[in-house]
Amino acid sequence: DLASERFTKNLWTERQSTDRPRLVNVRDEADQARYVVER
């Protein structure tokens, strides 16, 4: 929505969920790798 120029559309779906996307803060790339592997 913050794009400077676009055809207006807002995607919608009937697939409901309570889980929002996660913004995961990690210390460095090594921790990033370990987080991804564990998940």
ModelCIF file with pLDDT and N, C-alpha, C, O atoms, coordinates in Angstrom:
data_MODEL
#
_entry.id   MODEL 
#
_entity.id                         1 
_entity.type                       polymer 
_entity.pdbx_number_of_molecules   1 
#
_entity_poly.entity_id                      1 
_entity_poly.type                           'polypeptide(L)' 
_entity_poly.nstd_linkage                   no 
_entity_poly.nstd_monomer                   no 
_entity_poly.pdbx_seq_one_letter_code       DLASERFTKNLWTERQSTDRPRLVNVRDEADQARYVVER 
_entity_poly.pdbx_seq_one_letter_code_can   DLASERFTKNLWTERQSTDRPRLVNVRDEADQARYVVER 
_entity_poly.pdbx_strand_id                 A 
#
loop_
_entity_poly_seq.entity_id 
_entity_poly_seq.num 
_entity_poly_seq.mon_id 
_entity_poly_seq.hetero 
1 1  ASP n 
1 2  LEU n 
1 3  ALA n 
1 4  SER n 
1 5  GLU n 
1 6  ARG n 
1 7  PHE n 
1 8  THR n 
1 9  LYS n 
1 10 ASN n 
1 11 LEU n 
1 12 TRP n 
1 13 THR n 
1 14 GLU n 
1 15 ARG n 
1 16 GLN n 
1 17 SER n 
1 18 THR n 
1 19 ASP n 
1 20 ARG n 
1 21 PRO n 
1 22 ARG n 
1 23 LEU n 
1 24 VAL n 
1 25 ASN n 
1 26 VAL n 
1 27 ARG n 
1 28 ASP n 
1 29 GLU n 
1 30 ALA n 
1 31 ASP n 
1 32 GLN n 
1 33 ALA n 
1 34 ARG n 
1 35 TYR n 
1 36 VAL n 
1 37 VAL n 
1 38 GLU n 
1 39 ARG n 
#
_struct_asym.id          A 
_struct_asym.entity_id   1 
#
loop_
_ma_qa_metric.id 
_ma_qa_metric.mode 
_ma_qa_metric.name 
_ma_qa_metric.software_group_id 
_ma_qa_metric.type 
1 global pLDDT . pLDDT 
2 local  pLDDT . pLDDT 
#
_ma_qa_metric_global.metric_id      1 
_ma_qa_metric_global.metric_value   90.90 
_ma_qa_metric_global.model_id       1 
_ma_qa_metric_global.ordinal_id     1 
#
loop_
_ma_qa_metric_local.label_asym_id 
_ma_qa_metric_local.label_comp_id 
_ma_qa_metric_local.label_seq_id 
_ma_qa_metric_local.metric_id 
_ma_qa_metric_local.metric_value 
_ma_qa_metric_local.model_id 
_ma_qa_metric_local.ordinal_id 
A ASP 1  2 93.00 1 1  
A LEU 2  2 92.00 1 2  
A ALA 3  2 90.00 1 3  
A SER 4  2 83.00 1 4  
A GLU 5  2 79.00 1 5  
A ARG 6  2 76.00 1 6  
A PHE 7  2 76.00 1 7  
A THR 8  2 71.00 1 8  
A LYS 9  2 79.00 1 9  
A ASN 10 2 83.00 1 10 
A LEU 11 2 90.00 1 11 
A TRP 12 2 92.00 1 12 
A THR 13 2 93.00 1 13 
A GLU 14 2 92.00 1 14 
A ARG 15 2 93.00 1 15 
A GLN 16 2 95.00 1 16 
A SER 17 2 94.00 1 17 
A THR 18 2 93.00 1 18 
A ASP 19 2 95.00 1 19 
A ARG 20 2 97.00 1 20 
A PRO 21 2 98.00 1 21 
A ARG 22 2 97.00 1 22 
A LEU 23 2 97.00 1 23 
A VAL 24 2 96.00 1 24 
A ASN 25 2 95.00 1 25 
A VAL 26 2 95.00 1 26 
A ARG 27 2 92.00 1 27 
A ASP 28 2 89.00 1 28 
A GLU 29 2 88.00 1 29 
A ALA 30 2 87.00 1 30 
A ASP 31 2 93.00 1 31 
A GLN 32 2 94.00 1 32 
A ALA 33 2 92.00 1 33 
A ARG 34 2 94.00 1 34 
A TYR 35 2 97.00 1 35 
A VAL 36 2 97.00 1 36 
A VAL 37 2 96.00 1 37 
A GLU 38 2 96.00 1 38 
A ARG 39 2 96.00 1 39 
#
loop_
_atom_site.group_PDB 
_atom_site.id 
_atom_site.type_symbol 
_atom_site.label_atom_id 
_atom_site.label_alt_id 
_atom_site.label_comp_id 
_atom_site.label_asym_id 
_atom_site.label_entity_id 
_atom_site.label_seq_id 
_atom_site.pdbx_PDB_ins_code 
_atom_site.Cartn_x 
_atom_site.Cartn_y 
_atom_site.Cartn_z 
_atom_site.occupancy 
_atom_site.B_iso_or_equiv 
_atom_site.pdbx_formal_charge 
_atom_site.auth_seq_id 
_atom_site.auth_comp_id 
_atom_site.auth_asym_id 
_atom_site.auth_atom_id 
_atom_site.pdbx_PDB_model_num 
ATOM 1   N N  . ASP A 1 1  ? 0.823   -1.217  0.000  1.00 93.00 ? 1  ASP A N  1 
ATOM 2   C CA . ASP A 1 1  ? 0.000   0.000   0.000  1.00 93.00 ? 1  ASP A CA 1 
ATOM 3   C C  . ASP A 1 1  ? 0.855   1.265   0.000  1.00 93.00 ? 1  ASP A C  1 
ATOM 4   O O  . ASP A 1 1  ? 0.401   2.325   -0.429 1.00 93.00 ? 1  ASP A O  1 
ATOM 5   N N  . LEU A 1 2  ? 2.092   1.151   0.481  1.00 92.00 ? 2  LEU A N  1 
ATOM 6   C CA . LEU A 1 2  ? 2.975   2.313   0.572  1.00 92.00 ? 2  LEU A CA 1 
ATOM 7   C C  . LEU A 1 2  ? 3.726   2.577   -0.732 1.00 92.00 ? 2  LEU A C  1 
ATOM 8   O O  . LEU A 1 2  ? 4.529   3.507   -0.808 1.00 92.00 ? 2  LEU A O  1 
ATOM 9   N N  . ALA A 1 3  ? 3.467   1.755   -1.769 1.00 90.00 ? 3  ALA A N  1 
ATOM 10  C CA . ALA A 1 3  ? 4.112   1.960   -3.068 1.00 90.00 ? 3  ALA A CA 1 
ATOM 11  C C  . ALA A 1 3  ? 3.677   3.295   -3.658 1.00 90.00 ? 3  ALA A C  1 
ATOM 12  O O  . ALA A 1 3  ? 2.552   3.745   -3.438 1.00 90.00 ? 3  ALA A O  1 
ATOM 13  N N  . SER A 1 4  ? 4.581   3.925   -4.412 1.00 83.00 ? 4  SER A N  1 
ATOM 14  C CA . SER A 1 4  ? 4.296   5.266   -4.941 1.00 83.00 ? 4  SER A CA 1 
ATOM 15  C C  . SER A 1 4  ? 3.272   5.242   -6.070 1.00 83.00 ? 4  SER A C  1 
ATOM 16  O O  . SER A 1 4  ? 2.537   6.213   -6.250 1.00 83.00 ? 4  SER A O  1 
ATOM 17  N N  . GLU A 1 5  ? 3.207   4.144   -6.841 1.00 79.00 ? 5  GLU A N  1 
ATOM 18  C CA . GLU A 1 5  ? 2.267   4.065   -7.962 1.00 79.00 ? 5  GLU A CA 1 
ATOM 19  C C  . GLU A 1 5  ? 1.910   2.606   -8.185 1.00 79.00 ? 5  GLU A C  1 
ATOM 20  O O  . GLU A 1 5  ? 2.791   1.755   -8.311 1.00 79.00 ? 5  GLU A O  1 
ATOM 21  N N  . ARG A 1 6  ? 0.607   2.317   -8.235 1.00 76.00 ? 6  ARG A N  1 
ATOM 22  C CA . ARG A 1 6  ? 0.197   0.926   -8.467 1.00 76.00 ? 6  ARG A CA 1 
ATOM 23  C C  . ARG A 1 6  ? -1.282  0.891   -8.820 1.00 76.00 ? 6  ARG A C  1 
ATOM 24  O O  . ARG A 1 6  ? -2.001  1.865   -8.599 1.00 76.00 ? 6  ARG A O  1 
ATOM 25  N N  . PHE A 1 7  ? -1.746  -0.255  -9.379 1.00 76.00 ? 7  PHE A N  1 
ATOM 26  C CA . PHE A 1 7  ? -3.170  -0.493  -9.547 1.00 76.00 ? 7  PHE A CA 1 
ATOM 27  C C  . PHE A 1 7  ? -3.732  -0.871  -8.176 1.00 76.00 ? 7  PHE A C  1 
ATOM 28  O O  . PHE A 1 7  ? -3.219  -1.779  -7.522 1.00 76.00 ? 7  PHE A O  1 
ATOM 29  N N  . THR A 1 8  ? -4.773  -0.184  -7.749 1.00 71.00 ? 8  THR A N  1 
ATOM 30  C CA . THR A 1 8  ? -5.303  -0.409  -6.404 1.00 71.00 ? 8  THR A CA 1 
ATOM 31  C C  . THR A 1 8  ? -5.972  -1.770  -6.312 1.00 71.00 ? 8  THR A C  1 
ATOM 32  O O  . THR A 1 8  ? -6.889  -2.078  -7.074 1.00 71.00 ? 8  THR A O  1 
ATOM 33  N N  . LYS A 1 9  ? -5.507  -2.574  -5.380 1.00 79.00 ? 9  LYS A N  1 
ATOM 34  C CA . LYS A 1 9  ? -6.157  -3.848  -5.068 1.00 79.00 ? 9  LYS A CA 1 
ATOM 35  C C  . LYS A 1 9  ? -5.719  -4.242  -3.670 1.00 79.00 ? 9  LYS A C  1 
ATOM 36  O O  . LYS A 1 9  ? -4.579  -3.992  -3.277 1.00 79.00 ? 9  LYS A O  1 
ATOM 37  N N  . ASN A 1 10 ? -6.608  -4.849  -2.930 1.00 83.00 ? 10 ASN A N  1 
ATOM 38  C CA . ASN A 1 10 ? -6.255  -5.378  -1.624 1.00 83.00 ? 10 ASN A CA 1 
ATOM 39  C C  . ASN A 1 10 ? -6.660  -6.846  -1.596 1.00 83.00 ? 10 ASN A C  1 
ATOM 40  O O  . ASN A 1 10 ? -7.843  -7.182  -1.640 1.00 83.00 ? 10 ASN A O  1 
ATOM 41  N N  . LEU A 1 11 ? -5.671  -7.697  -1.523 1.00 90.00 ? 11 LEU A N  1 
ATOM 42  C CA . LEU A 1 11 ? -5.945  -9.125  -1.528 1.00 90.00 ? 11 LEU A CA 1 
ATOM 43  C C  . LEU A 1 11 ? -6.751  -9.514  -0.289 1.00 90.00 ? 11 LEU A C  1 
ATOM 44  O O  . LEU A 1 11 ? -6.516  -9.000  0.805  1.00 90.00 ? 11 LEU A O  1 
ATOM 45  N N  . TRP A 1 12 ? -7.705  -10.429 -0.476 1.00 92.00 ? 12 TRP A N  1 
ATOM 46  C CA . TRP A 1 12 ? -8.485  -10.934 0.640  1.00 92.00 ? 12 TRP A CA 1 
ATOM 47  C C  . TRP A 1 12 ? -8.664  -12.433 0.477  1.00 92.00 ? 12 TRP A C  1 
ATOM 48  O O  . TRP A 1 12 ? -8.468  -12.977 -0.610 1.00 92.00 ? 12 TRP A O  1 
ATOM 49  N N  . THR A 1 13 ? -9.031  -13.087 1.547  1.00 93.00 ? 13 THR A N  1 
ATOM 50  C CA . THR A 1 13 ? -9.181  -14.536 1.511  1.00 93.00 ? 13 THR A CA 1 
ATOM 51  C C  . THR A 1 13 ? -10.210 -14.963 2.542  1.00 93.00 ? 13 THR A C  1 
ATOM 52  O O  . THR A 1 13 ? -10.505 -14.221 3.478  1.00 93.00 ? 13 THR A O  1 
ATOM 53  N N  . GLU A 1 14 ? -10.748 -16.145 2.371  1.00 92.00 ? 14 GLU A N  1 
ATOM 54  C CA . GLU A 1 14 ? -11.632 -16.734 3.376  1.00 92.00 ? 14 GLU A CA 1 
ATOM 55  C C  . GLU A 1 14 ? -10.848 -17.591 4.372  1.00 92.00 ? 14 GLU A C  1 
ATOM 56  O O  . GLU A 1 14 ? -11.428 -18.163 5.295  1.00 92.00 ? 14 GLU A O  1 
ATOM 57  N N  . ARG A 1 15 ? -9.518  -17.680 4.179  1.00 93.00 ? 15 ARG A N  1 
ATOM 58  C CA . ARG A 1 15 ? -8.671  -18.497 5.063  1.00 93.00 ? 15 ARG A CA 1 
ATOM 59  C C  . ARG A 1 15 ? -8.295  -17.671 6.304  1.00 93.00 ? 15 ARG A C  1 
ATOM 60  O O  . ARG A 1 15 ? -7.342  -16.892 6.273  1.00 93.00 ? 15 ARG A O  1 
ATOM 61  N N  . GLN A 1 16 ? -9.039  -17.846 7.368  1.00 95.00 ? 16 GLN A N  1 
ATOM 62  C CA . GLN A 1 16 ? -8.799  -17.082 8.589  1.00 95.00 ? 16 GLN A CA 1 
ATOM 63  C C  . GLN A 1 16 ? -7.753  -17.784 9.466  1.00 95.00 ? 16 GLN A C  1 
ATOM 64  O O  . GLN A 1 16 ? -7.563  -18.997 9.379  1.00 95.00 ? 16 GLN A O  1 
ATOM 65  N N  . SER A 1 17 ? -7.088  -16.999 10.303 1.00 94.00 ? 17 SER A N  1 
ATOM 66  C CA . SER A 1 17 ? -6.085  -17.537 11.229 1.00 94.00 ? 17 SER A CA 1 
ATOM 67  C C  . SER A 1 17 ? -5.842  -16.495 12.319 1.00 94.00 ? 17 SER A C  1 
ATOM 68  O O  . SER A 1 17 ? -6.032  -15.298 12.105 1.00 94.00 ? 17 SER A O  1 
ATOM 69  N N  . THR A 1 18 ? -5.422  -16.967 13.481 1.00 93.00 ? 18 THR A N  1 
ATOM 70  C CA . THR A 1 18 ? -5.062  -16.034 14.557 1.00 93.00 ? 18 THR A CA 1 
ATOM 71  C C  . THR A 1 18 ? -3.562  -15.750 14.575 1.00 93.00 ? 18 THR A C  1 
ATOM 72  O O  . THR A 1 18 ? -3.097  -14.913 15.348 1.00 93.00 ? 18 THR A O  1 
ATOM 73  N N  . ASP A 1 19 ? -2.802  -16.447 13.721 1.00 95.00 ? 19 ASP A N  1 
ATOM 74  C CA . ASP A 1 19 ? -1.337  -16.303 13.718 1.00 95.00 ? 19 ASP A CA 1 
ATOM 75  C C  . ASP A 1 19 ? -0.908  -15.200 12.757 1.00 95.00 ? 19 ASP A C  1 
ATOM 76  O O  . ASP A 1 19 ? -1.095  -15.308 11.545 1.00 95.00 ? 19 ASP A O  1 
ATOM 77  N N  . ARG A 1 20 ? -0.330  -14.139 13.315 1.00 97.00 ? 20 ARG A N  1 
ATOM 78  C CA . ARG A 1 20 ? 0.211   -13.071 12.474 1.00 97.00 ? 20 ARG A CA 1 
ATOM 79  C C  . ARG A 1 20 ? 1.617   -13.453 12.000 1.00 97.00 ? 20 ARG A C  1 
ATOM 80  O O  . ARG A 1 20 ? 2.272   -14.278 12.636 1.00 97.00 ? 20 ARG A O  1 
ATOM 81  N N  . PRO A 1 21 ? 2.092   -12.862 10.891 1.00 98.00 ? 21 PRO A N  1 
ATOM 82  C CA . PRO A 1 21 ? 3.494   -13.073 10.497 1.00 98.00 ? 21 PRO A CA 1 
ATOM 83  C C  . PRO A 1 21 ? 4.408   -12.629 11.626 1.00 98.00 ? 21 PRO A C  1 
ATOM 84  O O  . PRO A 1 21 ? 4.082   -11.699 12.364 1.00 98.00 ? 21 PRO A O  1 
ATOM 85  N N  . ARG A 1 22 ? 5.548   -13.290 11.763 1.00 97.00 ? 22 ARG A N  1 
ATOM 86  C CA . ARG A 1 22 ? 6.455   -12.987 12.868 1.00 97.00 ? 22 ARG A CA 1 
ATOM 87  C C  . ARG A 1 22 ? 7.639   -12.155 12.392 1.00 97.00 ? 22 ARG A C  1 
ATOM 88  O O  . ARG A 1 22 ? 8.271   -12.467 11.383 1.00 97.00 ? 22 ARG A O  1 
ATOM 89  N N  . LEU A 1 23 ? 7.929   -11.084 13.142 1.00 97.00 ? 23 LEU A N  1 
ATOM 90  C CA . LEU A 1 23 ? 9.177   -10.336 12.964 1.00 97.00 ? 23 LEU A CA 1 
ATOM 91  C C  . LEU A 1 23 ? 10.105  -10.813 14.077 1.00 97.00 ? 23 LEU A C  1 
ATOM 92  O O  . LEU A 1 23 ? 9.882   -10.520 15.252 1.00 97.00 ? 23 LEU A O  1 
ATOM 93  N N  . VAL A 1 24 ? 11.140  -11.544 13.698 1.00 96.00 ? 24 VAL A N  1 
ATOM 94  C CA . VAL A 1 24 ? 11.988  -12.211 14.690 1.00 96.00 ? 24 VAL A CA 1 
ATOM 95  C C  . VAL A 1 24 ? 13.339  -11.512 14.767 1.00 96.00 ? 24 VAL A C  1 
ATOM 96  O O  . VAL A 1 24 ? 14.105  -11.529 13.804 1.00 96.00 ? 24 VAL A O  1 
ATOM 97  N N  . ASN A 1 25 ? 13.631  -10.898 15.906 1.00 95.00 ? 25 ASN A N  1 
ATOM 98  C CA . ASN A 1 25 ? 14.925  -10.244 16.119 1.00 95.00 ? 25 ASN A CA 1 
ATOM 99  C C  . ASN A 1 25 ? 15.928  -11.255 16.655 1.00 95.00 ? 25 ASN A C  1 
ATOM 100 O O  . ASN A 1 25 ? 15.680  -11.908 17.669 1.00 95.00 ? 25 ASN A O  1 
ATOM 101 N N  . VAL A 1 26 ? 17.057  -11.383 15.975 1.00 95.00 ? 26 VAL A N  1 
ATOM 102 C CA . VAL A 1 26 ? 18.133  -12.274 16.425 1.00 95.00 ? 26 VAL A CA 1 
ATOM 103 C C  . VAL A 1 26 ? 19.429  -11.464 16.482 1.00 95.00 ? 26 VAL A C  1 
ATOM 104 O O  . VAL A 1 26 ? 19.512  -10.364 15.935 1.00 95.00 ? 26 VAL A O  1 
ATOM 105 N N  . ARG A 1 27 ? 20.433  -12.021 17.149 1.00 92.00 ? 27 ARG A N  1 
ATOM 106 C CA . ARG A 1 27 ? 21.670  -11.268 17.360 1.00 92.00 ? 27 ARG A CA 1 
ATOM 107 C C  . ARG A 1 27 ? 22.480  -11.125 16.075 1.00 92.00 ? 27 ARG A C  1 
ATOM 108 O O  . ARG A 1 27 ? 22.938  -10.031 15.743 1.00 92.00 ? 27 ARG A O  1 
ATOM 109 N N  . ASP A 1 28 ? 22.656  -12.233 15.351 1.00 89.00 ? 28 ASP A N  1 
ATOM 110 C CA . ASP A 1 28 ? 23.521  -12.207 14.169 1.00 89.00 ? 28 ASP A CA 1 
ATOM 111 C C  . ASP A 1 28 ? 23.096  -13.319 13.216 1.00 89.00 ? 28 ASP A C  1 
ATOM 112 O O  . ASP A 1 28 ? 22.096  -14.000 13.444 1.00 89.00 ? 28 ASP A O  1 
ATOM 113 N N  . GLU A 1 29 ? 23.874  -13.493 12.140 1.00 88.00 ? 29 GLU A N  1 
ATOM 114 C CA . GLU A 1 29 ? 23.505  -14.476 11.125 1.00 88.00 ? 29 GLU A CA 1 
ATOM 115 C C  . GLU A 1 29 ? 23.614  -15.913 11.628 1.00 88.00 ? 29 GLU A C  1 
ATOM 116 O O  . GLU A 1 29 ? 22.894  -16.790 11.149 1.00 88.00 ? 29 GLU A O  1 
ATOM 117 N N  . ALA A 1 30 ? 24.501  -16.163 12.581 1.00 87.00 ? 30 ALA A N  1 
ATOM 118 C CA . ALA A 1 30 ? 24.600  -17.511 13.153 1.00 87.00 ? 30 ALA A CA 1 
ATOM 119 C C  . ALA A 1 30 ? 23.321  -17.842 13.917 1.00 87.00 ? 30 ALA A C  1 
ATOM 120 O O  . ALA A 1 30 ? 22.780  -18.939 13.779 1.00 87.00 ? 30 ALA A O  1 
ATOM 121 N N  . ASP A 1 31 ? 22.836  -16.894 14.724 1.00 93.00 ? 31 ASP A N  1 
ATOM 122 C CA . ASP A 1 31 ? 21.574  -17.113 15.432 1.00 93.00 ? 31 ASP A CA 1 
ATOM 123 C C  . ASP A 1 31 ? 20.409  -17.208 14.449 1.00 93.00 ? 31 ASP A C  1 
ATOM 124 O O  . ASP A 1 31 ? 19.482  -17.991 14.658 1.00 93.00 ? 31 ASP A O  1 
ATOM 125 N N  . GLN A 1 32 ? 20.453  -16.427 13.393 1.00 94.00 ? 32 GLN A N  1 
ATOM 126 C CA . GLN A 1 32 ? 19.419  -16.498 12.356 1.00 94.00 ? 32 GLN A CA 1 
ATOM 127 C C  . GLN A 1 32 ? 19.335  -17.912 11.793 1.00 94.00 ? 32 GLN A C  1 
ATOM 128 O O  . GLN A 1 32 ? 18.247  -18.471 11.654 1.00 94.00 ? 32 GLN A O  1 
ATOM 129 N N  . ALA A 1 33 ? 20.490  -18.483 11.473 1.00 92.00 ? 33 ALA A N  1 
ATOM 130 C CA . ALA A 1 33 ? 20.532  -19.840 10.929 1.00 92.00 ? 33 ALA A CA 1 
ATOM 131 C C  . ALA A 1 33 ? 19.972  -20.844 11.934 1.00 92.00 ? 33 ALA A C  1 
ATOM 132 O O  . ALA A 1 33 ? 19.196  -21.726 11.564 1.00 92.00 ? 33 ALA A O  1 
ATOM 133 N N  . ARG A 1 34 ? 20.367  -20.710 13.222 1.00 94.00 ? 34 ARG A N  1 
ATOM 134 C CA . ARG A 1 34 ? 19.892  -21.648 14.240 1.00 94.00 ? 34 ARG A CA 1 
ATOM 135 C C  . ARG A 1 34 ? 18.384  -21.519 14.451 1.00 94.00 ? 34 ARG A C  1 
ATOM 136 O O  . ARG A 1 34 ? 17.693  -22.522 14.630 1.00 94.00 ? 34 ARG A O  1 
ATOM 137 N N  . TYR A 1 35 ? 17.871  -20.280 14.430 1.00 97.00 ? 35 TYR A N  1 
ATOM 138 C CA . TYR A 1 35 ? 16.424  -20.076 14.578 1.00 97.00 ? 35 TYR A CA 1 
ATOM 139 C C  . TYR A 1 35 ? 15.667  -20.786 13.450 1.00 97.00 ? 35 TYR A C  1 
ATOM 140 O O  . TYR A 1 35 ? 14.708  -21.517 13.699 1.00 97.00 ? 35 TYR A O  1 
ATOM 141 N N  . VAL A 1 36 ? 16.107  -20.564 12.215 1.00 97.00 ? 36 VAL A N  1 
ATOM 142 C CA . VAL A 1 36 ? 15.422  -21.161 11.064 1.00 97.00 ? 36 VAL A CA 1 
ATOM 143 C C  . VAL A 1 36 ? 15.446  -22.679 11.162 1.00 97.00 ? 36 VAL A C  1 
ATOM 144 O O  . VAL A 1 36 ? 14.424  -23.328 10.943 1.00 97.00 ? 36 VAL A O  1 
ATOM 145 N N  . VAL A 1 37 ? 16.595  -23.250 11.487 1.00 96.00 ? 37 VAL A N  1 
ATOM 146 C CA . VAL A 1 37 ? 16.709  -24.709 11.554 1.00 96.00 ? 37 VAL A CA 1 
ATOM 147 C C  . VAL A 1 37 ? 15.795  -25.261 12.646 1.00 96.00 ? 37 VAL A C  1 
ATOM 148 O O  . VAL A 1 37 ? 15.115  -26.264 12.425 1.00 96.00 ? 37 VAL A O  1 
ATOM 149 N N  . GLU A 1 38 ? 15.764  -24.626 13.820 1.00 96.00 ? 38 GLU A N  1 
ATOM 150 C CA . GLU A 1 38 ? 14.912  -25.126 14.907 1.00 96.00 ? 38 GLU A CA 1 
ATOM 151 C C  . GLU A 1 38 ? 13.442  -25.083 14.517 1.00 96.00 ? 38 GLU A C  1 
ATOM 152 O O  . GLU A 1 38 ? 12.697  -26.026 14.783 1.00 96.00 ? 38 GLU A O  1 
ATOM 153 N N  . ARG A 1 39 ? 13.025  -23.989 13.888 1.00 96.00 ? 39 ARG A N  1 
ATOM 154 C CA . ARG A 1 39 ? 11.616  -23.882 13.491 1.00 96.00 ? 39 ARG A CA 1 
ATOM 155 C C  . ARG A 1 39 ? 11.270  -24.881 12.376 1.00 96.00 ? 39 ARG A C  1 
ATOM 156 O O  . ARG A 1 39 ? 10.126  -24.928 11.922 1.00 96.00 ? 39 ARG A O  1 
#
